[in-house]
Amino acid sequence: MRSIKNLSAAPLRVPLPGGKTLHLGPGESGSIRDEAAEHPALHKLAEAGTLEVGASTPGTGVAQAGSGRGPGGGYAHGKSSAPRKSGDR
């Protein structure tokens, strides 16, 4: 994975291979695949000085945050096993 950073004062649309687009706000950074760093449109933005492409960082390619489950709920966020009555709102 490579990191990229928007150096301009305006939001930036970064075209990526496969018709995908990465949206970066002013001063924000993101990460792209190593193969995407070779995209010609990305090189144009880097040469113009609007985008900075960082070095490749080693990684597993798998997100490490979270346990893979959805957002946790609380006590009151489950379905009740009791049937609702028509006036129970």
PDB file of N, CA and C in Angstrom:
ATOM      1  N   MET A   1       0.835  -1.172   0.000  1.00  0.00           N
ATOM      2  CA  MET A   1       0.000   0.000   0.000  1.00  0.00           C
ATOM      3  C   MET A   1       0.886   1.244   0.000  1.00  0.00           C
ATOM      4  N   ARG A   2       0.413   2.250  -0.698  1.00  0.00           N
ATOM      5  CA  ARG A   2       1.112   3.530  -0.731  1.00  0.00           C
ATOM      6  C   ARG A   2       0.205   4.608  -0.186  1.00  0.00           C
ATOM      7  N   SER A   3       0.800   5.573   0.444  1.00  0.00           N
ATOM      8  CA  SER A   3       0.018   6.692   0.961  1.00  0.00           C
ATOM      9  C   SER A   3       0.100   7.841  -0.032  1.00  0.00           C
ATOM     10  N   ILE A   4      -1.007   8.558  -0.179  1.00  0.00           N
ATOM     11  CA  ILE A   4      -1.028   9.745  -1.019  1.00  0.00           C
ATOM     12  C   ILE A   4      -1.617  10.884  -0.205  1.00  0.00           C
ATOM     13  N   LYS A   5      -1.174  12.108  -0.486  1.00  0.00           N
ATOM     14  CA  LYS A   5      -1.640  13.269   0.263  1.00  0.00           C
ATOM     15  C   LYS A   5      -1.975  14.396  -0.696  1.00  0.00           C
ATOM     16  N   ASN A   6      -3.108  15.038  -0.448  1.00  0.00           N
ATOM     17  CA  ASN A   6      -3.544  16.192  -1.220  1.00  0.00           C
ATOM     18  C   ASN A   6      -2.793  17.410  -0.706  1.00  0.00           C
ATOM     19  N   LEU A   7      -1.976  18.028  -1.549  1.00  0.00           N
ATOM     20  CA  LEU A   7      -1.188  19.189  -1.156  1.00  0.00           C
ATOM     21  C   LEU A   7      -1.873  20.502  -1.517  1.00  0.00           C
ATOM     22  N   SER A   8      -2.992  20.436  -2.227  1.00  0.00           N
ATOM     23  CA  SER A   8      -3.681  21.655  -2.648  1.00  0.00           C
ATOM     24  C   SER A   8      -4.658  22.122  -1.572  1.00  0.00           C
ATOM     25  N   ALA A   9      -5.185  23.332  -1.776  1.00  0.00           N
ATOM     26  CA  ALA A   9      -6.149  23.899  -0.838  1.00  0.00           C
ATOM     27  C   ALA A   9      -7.587  23.595  -1.249  1.00  0.00           C
ATOM     28  N   ALA A  10      -7.764  22.756  -2.253  1.00  0.00           N
ATOM     29  CA  ALA A  10      -9.099  22.409  -2.747  1.00  0.00           C
ATOM     30  C   ALA A  10      -9.304  20.902  -2.670  1.00  0.00           C
ATOM     31  N   PRO A  11     -10.552  20.453  -2.608  1.00  0.00           N
ATOM     32  CA  PRO A  11     -10.808  19.008  -2.662  1.00  0.00           C
ATOM     33  C   PRO A  11     -10.307  18.446  -3.986  1.00  0.00           C
ATOM     34  N   LEU A  12      -9.902  17.204  -3.964  1.00  0.00           N
ATOM     35  CA  LEU A  12      -9.276  16.596  -5.127  1.00  0.00           C
ATOM     36  C   LEU A  12      -9.920  15.264  -5.446  1.00  0.00           C
ATOM     37  N   ARG A  13     -10.161  15.027  -6.722  1.00  0.00           N
ATOM     38  CA  ARG A  13     -10.620  13.723  -7.203  1.00  0.00           C
ATOM     39  C   ARG A  13      -9.428  13.030  -7.835  1.00  0.00           C
ATOM     40  N   VAL A  14      -9.058  11.891  -7.285  1.00  0.00           N
ATOM     41  CA  VAL A  14      -7.899  11.156  -7.778  1.00  0.00           C
ATOM     42  C   VAL A  14      -8.401   9.968  -8.586  1.00  0.00           C
ATOM     43  N   PRO A  15      -8.194   9.978  -9.914  1.00  0.00           N
ATOM     44  CA  PRO A  15      -8.628   8.842 -10.726  1.00  0.00           C
ATOM     45  C   PRO A  15      -7.723   7.637 -10.503  1.00  0.00           C
ATOM     46  N   LEU A  16      -8.347   6.474 -10.358  1.00  0.00           N
ATOM     47  CA  LEU A  16      -7.623   5.229 -10.132  1.00  0.00           C
ATOM     48  C   LEU A  16      -7.975   4.234 -11.223  1.00  0.00           C
ATOM     49  N   PRO A  17      -7.181   3.195 -11.395  1.00  0.00           N
ATOM     50  CA  PRO A  17      -7.494   2.185 -12.403  1.00  0.00           C
ATOM     51  C   PRO A  17      -8.833   1.513 -12.119  1.00  0.00           C
ATOM     52  N   GLY A  18      -9.464   1.033 -13.169  1.00  0.00           N
ATOM     53  CA  GLY A  18     -10.734   0.339 -13.024  1.00  0.00           C
ATOM     54  C   GLY A  18     -11.911   1.298 -12.927  1.00  0.00           C
ATOM     55  N   GLY A  19     -11.703   2.565 -13.290  1.00  0.00           N
ATOM     56  CA  GLY A  19     -12.775   3.541 -13.244  1.00  0.00           C
ATOM     57  C   GLY A  19     -13.124   4.015 -11.850  1.00  0.00           C
ATOM     58  N   LYS A  20     -12.281   3.741 -10.873  1.00  0.00           N
ATOM     59  CA  LYS A  20     -12.537   4.156  -9.492  1.00  0.00           C
ATOM     60  C   LYS A  20     -11.950   5.535  -9.243  1.00  0.00           C
ATOM     61  N   THR A  21     -12.471   6.211  -8.211  1.00  0.00           N
ATOM     62  CA  THR A  21     -12.025   7.552  -7.869  1.00  0.00           C
ATOM     63  C   THR A  21     -11.864   7.652  -6.361  1.00  0.00           C
ATOM     64  N   LEU A  22     -10.782   8.276  -5.935  1.00  0.00           N
ATOM     65  CA  LEU A  22     -10.554   8.549  -4.524  1.00  0.00           C
ATOM     66  C   LEU A  22     -10.731  10.036  -4.299  1.00  0.00           C
ATOM     67  N   HIS A  23     -11.594  10.410  -3.363  1.00  0.00           N
ATOM     68  CA  HIS A  23     -11.855  11.811  -3.054  1.00  0.00           C
ATOM     69  C   HIS A  23     -11.044  12.198  -1.819  1.00  0.00           C
ATOM     70  N   LEU A  24     -10.225  13.226  -1.978  1.00  0.00           N
ATOM     71  CA  LEU A  24      -9.400  13.710  -0.868  1.00  0.00           C
ATOM     72  C   LEU A  24      -9.680  15.182  -0.632  1.00  0.00           C
ATOM     73  N   GLY A  25      -9.963  15.536   0.607  1.00  0.00           N
ATOM     74  CA  GLY A  25     -10.154  16.932   0.971  1.00  0.00           C
ATOM     75  C   GLY A  25      -8.810  17.628   1.074  1.00  0.00           C
ATOM     76  N   PRO A  26      -8.816  18.939   1.274  1.00  0.00           N
ATOM     77  CA  PRO A  26      -7.559  19.688   1.390  1.00  0.00           C
ATOM     78  C   PRO A  26      -6.706  19.183   2.548  1.00  0.00           C
ATOM     79  N   GLY A  27      -5.476  18.805   2.259  1.00  0.00           N
ATOM     80  CA  GLY A  27      -4.561  18.342   3.288  1.00  0.00           C
ATOM     81  C   GLY A  27      -4.793  16.917   3.761  1.00  0.00           C
ATOM     82  N   GLU A  28      -5.807  16.235   3.240  1.00  0.00           N
ATOM     83  CA  GLU A  28      -6.095  14.865   3.682  1.00  0.00           C
ATOM     84  C   GLU A  28      -5.204  13.869   2.951  1.00  0.00           C
ATOM     85  N   SER A  29      -5.091  12.689   3.542  1.00  0.00           N
ATOM     86  CA  SER A  29      -4.303  11.635   2.923  1.00  0.00           C
ATOM     87  C   SER A  29      -5.130  10.356   2.855  1.00  0.00           C
ATOM     88  N   GLY A  30      -4.691   9.455   2.016  1.00  0.00           N
ATOM     89  CA  GLY A  30      -5.359   8.173   1.851  1.00  0.00           C
ATOM     90  C   GLY A  30      -4.350   7.137   1.421  1.00  0.00           C
ATOM     91  N   SER A  31      -4.804   5.903   1.216  1.00  0.00           N
ATOM     92  CA  SER A  31      -3.896   4.862   0.755  1.00  0.00           C
ATOM     93  C   SER A  31      -4.452   4.190  -0.488  1.00  0.00           C
ATOM     94  N   ILE A  32      -3.550   3.820  -1.345  1.00  0.00           N
ATOM     95  CA  ILE A  32      -3.897   3.154  -2.590  1.00  0.00           C
ATOM     96  C   ILE A  32      -3.012   1.933  -2.753  1.00  0.00           C
ATOM     97  N   ARG A  33      -3.423   1.044  -3.622  1.00  0.00           N
ATOM     98  CA  ARG A  33      -2.614  -0.145  -3.898  1.00  0.00           C
ATOM     99  C   ARG A  33      -1.366   0.240  -4.677  1.00  0.00           C
ATOM    100  N   ASP A  34      -0.338  -0.575  -4.583  1.00  0.00           N
ATOM    101  CA  ASP A  34       0.911  -0.299  -5.289  1.00  0.00           C
ATOM    102  C   ASP A  34       0.706  -0.245  -6.796  1.00  0.00           C
ATOM    103  N   GLU A  35      -0.180  -1.092  -7.321  1.00  0.00           N
ATOM    104  CA  GLU A  35      -0.434  -1.126  -8.761  1.00  0.00           C
ATOM    105  C   GLU A  35      -1.096   0.176  -9.223  1.00  0.00           C
ATOM    106  N   ALA A  36      -1.931   0.776  -8.371  1.00  0.00           N
ATOM    107  CA  ALA A  36      -2.628   2.004  -8.727  1.00  0.00           C
ATOM    108  C   ALA A  36      -1.674   3.193  -8.801  1.00  0.00           C
ATOM    109  N   ALA A  37      -0.545   3.103  -8.128  1.00  0.00           N
ATOM    110  CA  ALA A  37       0.419   4.207  -8.130  1.00  0.00           C
ATOM    111  C   ALA A  37       1.053   4.399  -9.499  1.00  0.00           C
ATOM    112  N   GLU A  38       0.947   3.415 -10.366  1.00  0.00           N
ATOM    113  CA  GLU A  38       1.522   3.507 -11.708  1.00  0.00           C
ATOM    114  C   GLU A  38       0.535   4.082 -12.719  1.00  0.00           C
ATOM    115  N   HIS A  39      -0.654   4.468 -12.284  1.00  0.00           N
ATOM    116  CA  HIS A  39      -1.693   4.988 -13.178  1.00  0.00           C
ATOM    117  C   HIS A  39      -1.236   6.328 -13.764  1.00  0.00           C
ATOM    118  N   PRO A  40      -1.367   6.530 -15.093  1.00  0.00           N
ATOM    119  CA  PRO A  40      -0.875   7.767 -15.718  1.00  0.00           C
ATOM    120  C   PRO A  40      -1.525   9.045 -15.169  1.00  0.00           C
ATOM    121  N   ALA A  41      -2.809   9.009 -14.879  1.00  0.00           N
ATOM    122  CA  ALA A  41      -3.480  10.200 -14.357  1.00  0.00           C
ATOM    123  C   ALA A  41      -2.939  10.576 -12.976  1.00  0.00           C
ATOM    124  N   LEU A  42      -2.552   9.595 -12.206  1.00  0.00           N
ATOM    125  CA  LEU A  42      -1.975   9.838 -10.890  1.00  0.00           C
ATOM    126  C   LEU A  42      -0.602  10.497 -11.024  1.00  0.00           C
ATOM    127  N   HIS A  43       0.161  10.066 -12.039  1.00  0.00           N
ATOM    128  CA  HIS A  43       1.473  10.668 -12.293  1.00  0.00           C
ATOM    129  C   HIS A  43       1.330  12.141 -12.679  1.00  0.00           C
ATOM    130  N   LYS A  44       0.294  12.474 -13.456  1.00  0.00           N
ATOM    131  CA  LYS A  44       0.083  13.871 -13.852  1.00  0.00           C
ATOM    132  C   LYS A  44      -0.170  14.751 -12.640  1.00  0.00           C
ATOM    133  N   LEU A  45      -0.995  14.271 -11.705  1.00  0.00           N
ATOM    134  CA  LEU A  45      -1.273  15.048 -10.495  1.00  0.00           C
ATOM    135  C   LEU A  45      -0.021  15.206  -9.636  1.00  0.00           C
ATOM    136  N   ALA A  46       0.789  14.167  -9.577  1.00  0.00           N
ATOM    137  CA  ALA A  46       2.022  14.230  -8.786  1.00  0.00           C
ATOM    138  C   ALA A  46       3.027  15.191  -9.412  1.00  0.00           C
ATOM    139  N   GLU A  47       3.126  15.185 -10.738  1.00  0.00           N
ATOM    140  CA  GLU A  47       4.057  16.080 -11.425  1.00  0.00           C
ATOM    141  C   GLU A  47       3.611  17.535 -11.303  1.00  0.00           C
ATOM    142  N   ALA A  48       2.297  17.759 -11.226  1.00  0.00           N
ATOM    143  CA  ALA A  48       1.773  19.118 -11.101  1.00  0.00           C
ATOM    144  C   ALA A  48       1.971  19.669  -9.684  1.00  0.00           C
ATOM    145  N   GLY A  49       2.272  18.807  -8.733  1.00  0.00           N
ATOM    146  CA  GLY A  49       2.513  19.248  -7.365  1.00  0.00           C
ATOM    147  C   GLY A  49       1.267  19.294  -6.504  1.00  0.00           C
ATOM    148  N   THR A  50       0.151  18.782  -7.016  1.00  0.00           N
ATOM    149  CA  THR A  50      -1.083  18.773  -6.221  1.00  0.00           C
ATOM    150  C   THR A  50      -1.193  17.540  -5.353  1.00  0.00           C
ATOM    151  N   LEU A  51      -0.417  16.533  -5.650  1.00  0.00           N
ATOM    152  CA  LEU A  51      -0.532  15.254  -4.960  1.00  0.00           C
ATOM    153  C   LEU A  51       0.852  14.736  -4.627  1.00  0.00           C
ATOM    154  N   GLU A  52       1.005  14.173  -3.447  1.00  0.00           N
ATOM    155  CA  GLU A  52       2.273  13.573  -3.036  1.00  0.00           C
ATOM    156  C   GLU A  52       2.057  12.085  -2.852  1.00  0.00           C
ATOM    157  N   VAL A  53       2.853  11.278  -3.543  1.00  0.00           N
ATOM    158  CA  VAL A  53       2.753   9.828  -3.426  1.00  0.00           C
ATOM    159  C   VAL A  53       3.891   9.351  -2.555  1.00  0.00           C
ATOM    160  N   GLY A  54       3.542   8.678  -1.441  1.00  0.00           N
ATOM    161  CA  GLY A  54       4.540   8.187  -0.502  1.00  0.00           C
ATOM    162  C   GLY A  54       5.109   6.848  -0.931  1.00  0.00           C
ATOM    163  N   ALA A  55       6.050   6.375  -0.156  1.00  0.00           N
ATOM    164  CA  ALA A  55       6.699   5.102  -0.427  1.00  0.00           C
ATOM    165  C   ALA A  55       5.775   3.941  -0.074  1.00  0.00           C
ATOM    166  N   SER A  56       6.097   2.806  -0.609  1.00  0.00           N
ATOM    167  CA  SER A  56       5.320   1.597  -0.346  1.00  0.00           C
ATOM    168  C   SER A  56       5.550   1.139   1.087  1.00  0.00           C
ATOM    169  N   THR A  57       4.449   0.809   1.778  1.00  0.00           N
ATOM    170  CA  THR A  57       4.547   0.329   3.153  1.00  0.00           C
ATOM    171  C   THR A  57       4.140  -1.130   3.191  1.00  0.00           C
ATOM    172  N   PRO A  58       4.889  -1.964   3.875  1.00  0.00           N
ATOM    173  CA  PRO A  58       4.526  -3.372   3.939  1.00  0.00           C
ATOM    174  C   PRO A  58       3.265  -3.570   4.769  1.00  0.00           C
ATOM    175  N   GLY A  59       2.446  -4.501   4.359  1.00  0.00           N
ATOM    176  CA  GLY A  59       1.222  -4.790   5.091  1.00  0.00           C
ATOM    177  C   GLY A  59       0.651  -6.127   4.664  1.00  0.00           C
ATOM    178  N   THR A  60      -0.347  -6.574   5.368  1.00  0.00           N
ATOM    179  CA  THR A  60      -0.945  -7.857   5.041  1.00  0.00           C
ATOM    180  C   THR A  60      -2.039  -7.733   4.015  1.00  0.00           C
ATOM    181  N   GLY A  61      -2.555  -6.519   3.811  1.00  0.00           N
ATOM    182  CA  GLY A  61      -3.644  -6.335   2.868  1.00  0.00           C
ATOM    183  C   GLY A  61      -5.000  -6.609   3.488  1.00  0.00           C
ATOM    184  N   VAL A  62      -5.028  -6.937   4.756  1.00  0.00           N
ATOM    185  CA  VAL A  62      -6.271  -7.228   5.448  1.00  0.00           C
ATOM    186  C   VAL A  62      -6.452  -6.184   6.542  1.00  0.00           C
ATOM    187  N   ALA A  63      -7.642  -5.638   6.629  1.00  0.00           N
ATOM    188  CA  ALA A  63      -7.912  -4.634   7.656  1.00  0.00           C
ATOM    189  C   ALA A  63      -7.809  -5.268   9.033  1.00  0.00           C
ATOM    190  N   GLN A  64      -7.168  -4.589   9.943  1.00  0.00           N
ATOM    191  CA  GLN A  64      -6.950  -5.125  11.276  1.00  0.00           C
ATOM    192  C   GLN A  64      -7.920  -4.565  12.298  1.00  0.00           C
ATOM    193  N   ALA A  65      -8.646  -3.517  11.959  1.00  0.00           N
ATOM    194  CA  ALA A  65      -9.530  -2.873  12.927  1.00  0.00           C
ATOM    195  C   ALA A  65     -10.818  -3.657  13.077  1.00  0.00           C
ATOM    196  N   GLY A  66     -11.229  -3.875  14.295  1.00  0.00           N
ATOM    197  CA  GLY A  66     -12.507  -4.534  14.564  1.00  0.00           C
ATOM    198  C   GLY A  66     -12.425  -6.035  14.464  1.00  0.00           C
ATOM    199  N   SER A  67     -13.511  -6.658  14.799  1.00  0.00           N
ATOM    200  CA  SER A  67     -13.550  -8.113  14.779  1.00  0.00           C
ATOM    201  C   SER A  67     -14.272  -8.647  13.556  1.00  0.00           C
ATOM    202  N   GLY A  68     -14.646  -7.766  12.622  1.00  0.00           N
ATOM    203  CA  GLY A  68     -15.340  -8.216  11.431  1.00  0.00           C
ATOM    204  C   GLY A  68     -16.850  -8.240  11.605  1.00  0.00           C
ATOM    205  N   ARG A  69     -17.310  -7.929  12.791  1.00  0.00           N
ATOM    206  CA  ARG A  69     -18.741  -7.900  13.040  1.00  0.00           C
ATOM    207  C   ARG A  69     -19.247  -6.483  12.857  1.00  0.00           C
ATOM    208  N   GLY A  70     -20.530  -6.336  12.738  1.00  0.00           N
ATOM    209  CA  GLY A  70     -21.140  -5.030  12.563  1.00  0.00           C
ATOM    210  C   GLY A  70     -21.045  -4.204  13.825  1.00  0.00           C
ATOM    211  N   PRO A  71     -21.627  -3.018  13.793  1.00  0.00           N
ATOM    212  CA  PRO A  71     -21.568  -2.164  14.973  1.00  0.00           C
ATOM    213  C   PRO A  71     -22.311  -2.793  16.137  1.00  0.00           C
ATOM    214  N   GLY A  72     -21.749  -2.657  17.298  1.00  0.00           N
ATOM    215  CA  GLY A  72     -22.339  -3.263  18.485  1.00  0.00           C
ATOM    216  C   GLY A  72     -23.606  -2.556  18.911  1.00  0.00           C
ATOM    217  N   GLY A  73     -24.508  -3.292  19.440  1.00  0.00           N
ATOM    218  CA  GLY A  73     -25.749  -2.705  19.917  1.00  0.00           C
ATOM    219  C   GLY A  73     -25.771  -2.726  21.431  1.00  0.00           C
ATOM    220  N   GLY A  74     -26.753  -2.097  21.982  1.00  0.00           N
ATOM    221  CA  GLY A  74     -26.892  -2.067  23.421  1.00  0.00           C
ATOM    222  C   GLY A  74     -28.034  -2.959  23.862  1.00  0.00           C
ATOM    223  N   TYR A  75     -28.421  -2.785  25.101  1.00  0.00           N
ATOM    224  CA  TYR A  75     -29.481  -3.598  25.685  1.00  0.00           C
ATOM    225  C   TYR A  75     -30.809  -3.401  24.947  1.00  0.00           C
ATOM    226  N   ALA A  76     -31.101  -2.182  24.557  1.00  0.00           N
ATOM    227  CA  ALA A  76     -32.412  -1.876  23.982  1.00  0.00           C
ATOM    228  C   ALA A  76     -32.441  -1.998  22.462  1.00  0.00           C
ATOM    229  N   HIS A  77     -31.399  -2.489  21.856  1.00  0.00           N
ATOM    230  CA  HIS A  77     -31.345  -2.509  20.402  1.00  0.00           C
ATOM    231  C   HIS A  77     -31.605  -3.872  19.789  1.00  0.00           C
ATOM    232  N   GLY A  78     -32.195  -4.769  20.502  1.00  0.00           N
ATOM    233  CA  GLY A  78     -32.484  -6.074  19.937  1.00  0.00           C
ATOM    234  C   GLY A  78     -33.969  -6.239  19.701  1.00  0.00           C
ATOM    235  N   LYS A  79     -34.324  -7.289  19.000  1.00  0.00           N
ATOM    236  CA  LYS A  79     -35.733  -7.569  18.802  1.00  0.00           C
ATOM    237  C   LYS A  79     -36.290  -8.215  20.059  1.00  0.00           C
ATOM    238  N   SER A  80     -37.476  -7.855  20.361  1.00  0.00           N
ATOM    239  CA  SER A  80     -38.136  -8.425  21.524  1.00  0.00           C
ATOM    240  C   SER A  80     -38.794  -9.743  21.107  1.00  0.00           C
ATOM    241  N   SER A  81     -38.802 -10.700  22.019  1.00  0.00           N
ATOM    242  CA  SER A  81     -39.450 -11.974  21.710  1.00  0.00           C
ATOM    243  C   SER A  81     -40.949 -11.914  21.969  1.00  0.00           C
ATOM    244  N   ALA A  82     -41.392 -10.862  22.642  1.00  0.00           N
ATOM    245  CA  ALA A  82     -42.823 -10.727  22.943  1.00  0.00           C
ATOM    246  C   ALA A  82     -43.534 -10.081  21.755  1.00  0.00           C
ATOM    247  N   PRO A  83     -44.709 -10.563  21.398  1.00  0.00           N
ATOM    248  CA  PRO A  83     -45.439  -9.951  20.282  1.00  0.00           C
ATOM    249  C   PRO A  83     -45.952  -8.567  20.666  1.00  0.00           C
ATOM    250  N   ARG A  84     -45.953  -7.667  19.687  1.00  0.00           N
ATOM    251  CA  ARG A  84     -46.456  -6.313  19.944  1.00  0.00           C
ATOM    252  C   ARG A  84     -47.963  -6.269  19.864  1.00  0.00           C
ATOM    253  N   LYS A  85     -48.527  -5.491  20.682  1.00  0.00           N
ATOM    254  CA  LYS A  85     -49.968  -5.274  20.624  1.00  0.00           C
ATOM    255  C   LYS A  85     -50.232  -4.066  19.735  1.00  0.00           C
ATOM    256  N   SER A  86     -51.404  -3.932  19.233  1.00  0.00           N
ATOM    257  CA  SER A  86     -51.703  -2.863  18.290  1.00  0.00           C
ATOM    258  C   SER A  86     -51.550  -1.472  18.892  1.00  0.00           C
ATOM    259  N   GLY A  87     -51.773  -1.305  20.165  1.00  0.00           N
ATOM    260  CA  GLY A  87     -51.660   0.010  20.781  1.00  0.00           C
ATOM    261  C   GLY A  87     -50.325   0.275  21.430  1.00  0.00           C
ATOM    262  N   ASP A  88     -49.386  -0.656  21.348  1.00  0.00           N
ATOM    263  CA  ASP A  88     -48.072  -0.553  21.998  1.00  0.00           C
ATOM    264  C   ASP A  88     -47.108   0.203  21.089  1.00  0.00           C
ATOM    265  N   ARG A  89     -47.005   1.498  21.277  1.00  0.00           N
ATOM    266  CA  ARG A  89     -46.118   2.282  20.406  1.00  0.00           C
ATOM    267  C   ARG A  89     -45.219   3.129  21.193  1.00  0.00           C
TER     268      ARG A  89
END
